[in-house]
């Protein structure tokens, strides 16, 4: 694909990859969760802005969150979309791991 990354992006991607591998999270698991999130997005006819967030506390916890910013208010993002996502993940038999999560984040007030 010949994607050119700046140094900060390469470091961030490397850090994300290391955290997920250390937690035993496979590309397949990540893909399954993102596919379920995509089903919810299509149902709501929303296209998100995605970002990857790393949360880390030295010698305690490291985790990765795929944050999907959606153009809705906080209540709709949480009550309608994140609850729907959790139910869909459960129905799909996805075993959640604290080190990886996909969430919808309100981008409107």
C-alpha atoms as a PDB file:
ATOM      1  CA  UNK A   1       0.000   0.000   0.000  1.00  0.00           C
ATOM      2  CA  UNK A   2       3.051   2.239   0.335  1.00  0.00           C
ATOM      3  CA  UNK A   3       1.663   4.208   3.255  1.00  0.00           C
ATOM      4  CA  UNK A   4       4.091   6.751   4.618  1.00  0.00           C
ATOM      5  CA  UNK A   5       3.905   7.169   8.375  1.00  0.00           C
ATOM      6  CA  UNK A   6       5.462   9.945  10.353  1.00  0.00           C
ATOM      7  CA  UNK A   7       7.680   8.890  13.258  1.00  0.00           C
ATOM      8  CA  UNK A   8       4.980   9.491  15.907  1.00  0.00           C
ATOM      9  CA  UNK A   9       2.486   7.288  14.045  1.00  0.00           C
ATOM     10  CA  UNK A  10       5.009   4.476  13.680  1.00  0.00           C
ATOM     11  CA  UNK A  11       5.777   4.601  17.395  1.00  0.00           C
ATOM     12  CA  UNK A  12       2.060   4.584  18.275  1.00  0.00           C
ATOM     13  CA  UNK A  13       1.258   1.679  15.942  1.00  0.00           C
ATOM     14  CA  UNK A  14       4.220  -0.257  17.340  1.00  0.00           C
ATOM     15  CA  UNK A  15       3.030   0.409  20.898  1.00  0.00           C
ATOM     16  CA  UNK A  16      -0.558  -0.666  20.078  1.00  0.00           C
ATOM     17  CA  UNK A  17       0.691  -3.846  18.424  1.00  0.00           C
ATOM     18  CA  UNK A  18       2.903  -4.707  21.410  1.00  0.00           C
ATOM     19  CA  UNK A  19       0.054  -4.159  23.912  1.00  0.00           C
ATOM     20  CA  UNK A  20      -2.388  -6.298  21.953  1.00  0.00           C
ATOM     21  CA  UNK A  21       0.116  -9.101  21.369  1.00  0.00           C
ATOM     22  CA  UNK A  22       1.108  -9.099  25.052  1.00  0.00           C
ATOM     23  CA  UNK A  23      -2.588  -9.409  25.983  1.00  0.00           C
ATOM     24  CA  UNK A  24      -2.997 -12.316  23.553  1.00  0.00           C
ATOM     25  CA  UNK A  25      -5.456 -10.470  21.321  1.00  0.00           C
ATOM     26  CA  UNK A  26      -5.373 -11.651  17.718  1.00  0.00           C
ATOM     27  CA  UNK A  27      -6.105  -9.734  14.544  1.00  0.00           C
ATOM     28  CA  UNK A  28      -9.118 -12.021  14.143  1.00  0.00           C
ATOM     29  CA  UNK A  29     -10.532 -10.911  17.520  1.00  0.00           C
ATOM     30  CA  UNK A  30     -10.007  -7.260  16.646  1.00  0.00           C
ATOM     31  CA  UNK A  31     -11.671  -7.795  13.279  1.00  0.00           C
ATOM     32  CA  UNK A  32     -14.688  -9.539  14.809  1.00  0.00           C
ATOM     33  CA  UNK A  33     -15.311  -6.661  17.232  1.00  0.00           C
ATOM     34  CA  UNK A  34     -14.883  -4.057  14.506  1.00  0.00           C
ATOM     35  CA  UNK A  35     -17.253  -5.983  12.221  1.00  0.00           C
ATOM     36  CA  UNK A  36     -19.933  -6.016  14.930  1.00  0.00           C
ATOM     37  CA  UNK A  37     -19.436  -2.265  15.449  1.00  0.00           C
ATOM     38  CA  UNK A  38     -19.808  -1.778  11.696  1.00  0.00           C
ATOM     39  CA  UNK A  39     -23.180  -3.551  11.763  1.00  0.00           C
ATOM     40  CA  UNK A  40     -24.377  -1.105  14.446  1.00  0.00           C
ATOM     41  CA  UNK A  41     -23.051   1.858  12.439  1.00  0.00           C
ATOM     42  CA  UNK A  42     -24.815   0.701   9.283  1.00  0.00           C
ATOM     43  CA  UNK A  43     -28.049   0.208  11.215  1.00  0.00           C
ATOM     44  CA  UNK A  44     -27.822   3.845  12.358  1.00  0.00           C
ATOM     45  CA  UNK A  45     -26.534   4.988   8.939  1.00  0.00           C
ATOM     46  CA  UNK A  46     -23.549   6.712  10.520  1.00  0.00           C
ATOM     47  CA  UNK A  47     -19.969   7.000   9.356  1.00  0.00           C
ATOM     48  CA  UNK A  48     -17.586   7.558  12.285  1.00  0.00           C
ATOM     49  CA  UNK A  49     -14.224   9.192  12.680  1.00  0.00           C
ATOM     50  CA  UNK A  50     -11.981   6.556  14.192  1.00  0.00           C
ATOM     51  CA  UNK A  51      -9.022   6.922  16.493  1.00  0.00           C
ATOM     52  CA  UNK A  52      -6.940   4.503  18.495  1.00  0.00           C
ATOM     53  CA  UNK A  53      -6.318   5.388  22.122  1.00  0.00           C
ATOM     54  CA  UNK A  54      -3.651   3.816  24.312  1.00  0.00           C
ATOM     55  CA  UNK A  55      -4.176   3.769  28.059  1.00  0.00           C
ATOM     56  CA  UNK A  56      -1.175   2.842  30.122  1.00  0.00           C
ATOM     57  CA  UNK A  57      -0.184   2.839  33.775  1.00  0.00           C
ATOM     58  CA  UNK A  58       3.359   1.548  34.199  1.00  0.00           C
ATOM     59  CA  UNK A  59       3.577  -1.940  35.682  1.00  0.00           C
ATOM     60  CA  UNK A  60      -0.205  -2.023  36.156  1.00  0.00           C
ATOM     61  CA  UNK A  61      -2.294  -1.801  32.997  1.00  0.00           C
ATOM     62  CA  UNK A  62      -2.012  -1.238  29.262  1.00  0.00           C
ATOM     63  CA  UNK A  63      -4.976  -1.201  26.940  1.00  0.00           C
ATOM     64  CA  UNK A  64      -6.125  -0.135  23.505  1.00  0.00           C
ATOM     65  CA  UNK A  65      -9.484   1.421  22.651  1.00  0.00           C
ATOM     66  CA  UNK A  66     -10.796   1.930  19.154  1.00  0.00           C
ATOM     67  CA  UNK A  67     -12.875   5.077  19.644  1.00  0.00           C
ATOM     68  CA  UNK A  68     -15.481   5.642  16.944  1.00  0.00           C
ATOM     69  CA  UNK A  69     -16.655   9.256  17.128  1.00  0.00           C
ATOM     70  CA  UNK A  70     -20.231   9.493  15.877  1.00  0.00           C
ATOM     71  CA  UNK A  71     -22.193  12.687  15.110  1.00  0.00           C
ATOM     72  CA  UNK A  72     -24.807  12.174  17.828  1.00  0.00           C
ATOM     73  CA  UNK A  73     -25.322  13.365  21.390  1.00  0.00           C
ATOM     74  CA  UNK A  74     -23.853  11.614  24.417  1.00  0.00           C
ATOM     75  CA  UNK A  75     -27.101   9.925  25.422  1.00  0.00           C
ATOM     76  CA  UNK A  76     -27.679   8.417  21.971  1.00  0.00           C
ATOM     77  CA  UNK A  77     -24.037   7.302  21.707  1.00  0.00           C
ATOM     78  CA  UNK A  78     -24.192   5.543  25.048  1.00  0.00           C
ATOM     79  CA  UNK A  79     -27.785   4.372  25.449  1.00  0.00           C
ATOM     80  CA  UNK A  80     -28.564   3.550  21.850  1.00  0.00           C
ATOM     81  CA  UNK A  81     -25.258   2.659  20.271  1.00  0.00           C
ATOM     82  CA  UNK A  82     -22.882   1.360  22.976  1.00  0.00           C
ATOM     83  CA  UNK A  83     -25.570  -0.726  24.652  1.00  0.00           C
ATOM     84  CA  UNK A  84     -26.581  -2.079  21.233  1.00  0.00           C
ATOM     85  CA  UNK A  85     -22.911  -2.831  20.524  1.00  0.00           C
ATOM     86  CA  UNK A  86     -22.491  -4.685  23.831  1.00  0.00           C
ATOM     87  CA  UNK A  87     -25.572  -6.784  23.132  1.00  0.00           C
ATOM     88  CA  UNK A  88     -24.426  -7.537  19.588  1.00  0.00           C
ATOM     89  CA  UNK A  89     -20.945  -8.534  20.817  1.00  0.00           C
ATOM     90  CA  UNK A  90     -22.542 -10.837  23.382  1.00  0.00           C
ATOM     91  CA  UNK A  91     -24.843 -12.360  20.754  1.00  0.00           C
ATOM     92  CA  UNK A  92     -21.818 -12.896  18.455  1.00  0.00           C
ATOM     93  CA  UNK A  93     -20.065 -14.769  21.267  1.00  0.00           C
ATOM     94  CA  UNK A  94     -17.266 -12.251  21.581  1.00  0.00           C
ATOM     95  CA  UNK A  95     -15.295 -12.696  24.775  1.00  0.00           C
ATOM     96  CA  UNK A  96     -14.274  -9.247  25.917  1.00  0.00           C
ATOM     97  CA  UNK A  97     -10.735  -8.565  27.053  1.00  0.00           C
ATOM     98  CA  UNK A  98     -10.007  -5.559  29.260  1.00  0.00           C
ATOM     99  CA  UNK A  99      -6.941  -4.764  27.125  1.00  0.00           C
ATOM    100  CA  UNK A 100      -9.030  -4.121  23.984  1.00  0.00           C
ATOM    101  CA  UNK A 101     -12.301  -2.330  23.463  1.00  0.00           C
ATOM    102  CA  UNK A 102     -14.352  -0.687  20.737  1.00  0.00           C
ATOM    103  CA  UNK A 103     -16.619   2.190  21.782  1.00  0.00           C
ATOM    104  CA  UNK A 104     -18.816   4.834  20.245  1.00  0.00           C
ATOM    105  CA  UNK A 105     -18.041   8.355  21.408  1.00  0.00           C
ATOM    106  CA  UNK A 106     -20.424  11.277  20.984  1.00  0.00           C
ATOM    107  CA  UNK A 107     -19.111  13.934  18.626  1.00  0.00           C
ATOM    108  CA  UNK A 108     -22.182  16.195  19.013  1.00  0.00           C
ATOM    109  CA  UNK A 109     -23.598  17.806  22.135  1.00  0.00           C
END
